[in-house]
């Protein structure tokens, strides 16, 4: 499978993180984690409503 996937895909760009702003990246990642935790109950409620329709 990996040979087939490799034959059909190609990287258009290569991203290299800017180490000078690593603290900002880390802070945003922590914030995203908090958002994820806060939203989980809402996503579960939405999923429950969709299951009933």
N, C-alpha and C. Protein backbone atom coordinates (compact mmCIF):
# COMPACT_ATOMS: atom_id res chain seq x y z
N UNK A 1 0.81 -1.21 0.00
CA UNK A 1 0.00 0.00 0.00
C UNK A 1 0.85 1.27 0.00
N UNK A 2 1.95 1.23 0.73
CA UNK A 2 2.76 2.45 0.83
C UNK A 2 3.35 2.84 -0.53
N UNK A 3 3.70 1.87 -1.35
CA UNK A 3 4.24 2.20 -2.67
C UNK A 3 3.17 2.86 -3.54
N UNK A 4 1.94 2.38 -3.45
CA UNK A 4 0.84 2.98 -4.21
C UNK A 4 0.55 4.39 -3.75
N UNK A 5 0.53 4.58 -2.44
CA UNK A 5 0.28 5.92 -1.89
C UNK A 5 1.40 6.86 -2.29
N UNK A 6 2.62 6.39 -2.23
CA UNK A 6 3.76 7.24 -2.61
C UNK A 6 3.71 7.61 -4.09
N UNK A 7 3.21 6.71 -4.93
CA UNK A 7 3.14 6.98 -6.36
C UNK A 7 2.05 8.01 -6.69
N UNK A 8 1.04 8.12 -5.82
CA UNK A 8 -0.08 9.03 -6.10
C UNK A 8 0.02 10.36 -5.37
N UNK A 9 1.01 10.54 -4.53
CA UNK A 9 1.10 11.77 -3.75
C UNK A 9 2.49 12.38 -3.87
N UNK A 10 2.55 13.66 -3.60
CA UNK A 10 3.83 14.36 -3.59
C UNK A 10 3.70 15.58 -2.69
N UNK A 11 4.75 15.89 -1.98
CA UNK A 11 4.75 17.08 -1.13
C UNK A 11 5.01 18.30 -2.00
N UNK A 12 4.09 19.26 -1.92
CA UNK A 12 4.26 20.49 -2.69
C UNK A 12 5.19 21.46 -1.98
N UNK A 13 5.15 21.43 -0.64
CA UNK A 13 5.99 22.32 0.16
C UNK A 13 6.47 21.56 1.39
N UNK A 14 7.49 22.08 2.00
CA UNK A 14 8.03 21.51 3.23
C UNK A 14 7.99 22.61 4.29
N UNK A 15 7.34 22.35 5.41
CA UNK A 15 7.20 23.33 6.47
C UNK A 15 8.26 23.11 7.53
N UNK A 16 8.98 24.16 7.87
CA UNK A 16 9.98 24.11 8.93
C UNK A 16 9.55 25.11 10.00
N UNK A 17 9.23 24.63 11.22
CA UNK A 17 8.80 25.55 12.27
C UNK A 17 9.88 26.58 12.60
N UNK A 18 9.45 27.76 12.94
CA UNK A 18 10.34 28.84 13.33
C UNK A 18 10.65 28.68 14.82
N UNK A 19 11.84 28.24 15.15
CA UNK A 19 12.20 27.98 16.54
C UNK A 19 12.17 29.24 17.40
N UNK A 20 12.29 30.40 16.79
CA UNK A 20 12.28 31.66 17.54
C UNK A 20 10.92 31.93 18.17
N UNK A 21 9.87 31.31 17.63
CA UNK A 21 8.53 31.53 18.18
C UNK A 21 7.95 30.24 18.78
N UNK A 22 8.82 29.35 19.21
CA UNK A 22 8.39 28.07 19.79
C UNK A 22 7.49 28.27 21.00
N UNK A 23 7.77 29.27 21.83
CA UNK A 23 6.93 29.52 22.99
C UNK A 23 5.51 29.90 22.57
N UNK A 24 5.39 30.69 21.52
CA UNK A 24 4.06 31.07 21.02
C UNK A 24 3.33 29.85 20.49
N UNK A 25 4.04 28.98 19.76
CA UNK A 25 3.43 27.75 19.27
C UNK A 25 2.92 26.92 20.46
N UNK A 26 3.75 26.78 21.47
CA UNK A 26 3.38 25.97 22.64
C UNK A 26 2.17 26.57 23.35
N UNK A 27 2.14 27.88 23.48
CA UNK A 27 1.00 28.53 24.13
C UNK A 27 -0.29 28.32 23.36
N UNK A 28 -0.21 28.43 22.05
CA UNK A 28 -1.40 28.22 21.24
C UNK A 28 -1.84 26.77 21.28
N UNK A 29 -0.90 25.84 21.35
CA UNK A 29 -1.25 24.43 21.44
C UNK A 29 -1.97 24.14 22.76
N UNK A 30 -1.47 24.73 23.85
CA UNK A 30 -2.14 24.56 25.14
C UNK A 30 -3.55 25.14 25.09
N UNK A 31 -3.70 26.31 24.49
CA UNK A 31 -5.02 26.93 24.36
C UNK A 31 -5.95 26.04 23.54
N UNK A 32 -5.46 25.48 22.46
CA UNK A 32 -6.27 24.57 21.66
C UNK A 32 -6.73 23.38 22.50
N UNK A 33 -5.85 22.85 23.34
CA UNK A 33 -6.23 21.75 24.22
C UNK A 33 -7.35 22.14 25.16
N UNK A 34 -7.30 23.35 25.69
CA UNK A 34 -8.36 23.83 26.58
C UNK A 34 -9.68 24.00 25.82
N UNK A 35 -9.59 24.52 24.60
CA UNK A 35 -10.80 24.67 23.78
C UNK A 35 -11.40 23.30 23.50
N UNK A 36 -10.56 22.34 23.17
CA UNK A 36 -11.03 20.99 22.89
C UNK A 36 -11.76 20.40 24.09
N UNK A 37 -11.18 20.54 25.28
CA UNK A 37 -11.83 20.03 26.49
C UNK A 37 -13.15 20.73 26.75
N UNK A 38 -13.18 22.04 26.56
CA UNK A 38 -14.40 22.80 26.81
C UNK A 38 -15.51 22.45 25.82
N UNK A 39 -15.15 22.14 24.60
CA UNK A 39 -16.15 21.87 23.56
C UNK A 39 -16.64 20.43 23.53
N UNK A 40 -15.91 19.51 24.13
CA UNK A 40 -16.29 18.09 24.06
C UNK A 40 -17.73 17.84 24.49
N UNK A 41 -18.20 18.40 25.62
CA UNK A 41 -19.60 18.16 25.98
C UNK A 41 -20.59 18.67 24.92
N UNK A 42 -20.28 19.78 24.31
CA UNK A 42 -21.17 20.31 23.26
C UNK A 42 -21.18 19.39 22.05
N UNK A 43 -20.01 18.92 21.64
CA UNK A 43 -19.95 18.01 20.49
C UNK A 43 -20.73 16.73 20.78
N UNK A 44 -20.66 16.24 22.03
CA UNK A 44 -21.41 15.05 22.40
C UNK A 44 -22.91 15.31 22.34
N UNK A 45 -23.34 16.48 22.80
CA UNK A 45 -24.76 16.84 22.73
C UNK A 45 -25.23 16.93 21.28
N UNK A 46 -24.42 17.55 20.44
CA UNK A 46 -24.77 17.66 19.02
C UNK A 46 -24.87 16.28 18.39
N UNK A 47 -23.92 15.42 18.69
CA UNK A 47 -23.95 14.06 18.14
C UNK A 47 -25.20 13.32 18.60
N UNK A 48 -25.59 13.52 19.86
CA UNK A 48 -26.81 12.89 20.37
C UNK A 48 -28.05 13.39 19.66
N UNK A 49 -28.10 14.67 19.36
CA UNK A 49 -29.25 15.23 18.65
C UNK A 49 -29.30 14.73 17.21
N UNK A 50 -28.15 14.61 16.58
CA UNK A 50 -28.12 14.13 15.20
C UNK A 50 -28.56 12.67 15.13
N UNK A 51 -28.25 11.90 16.16
CA UNK A 51 -28.62 10.49 16.17
C UNK A 51 -30.14 10.32 16.26
N UNK A 52 -30.81 11.31 16.84
CA UNK A 52 -32.27 11.23 17.00
C UNK A 52 -33.03 11.76 15.78
N UNK A 53 -32.34 12.39 14.85
CA UNK A 53 -33.06 12.96 13.70
C UNK A 53 -32.92 12.10 12.47
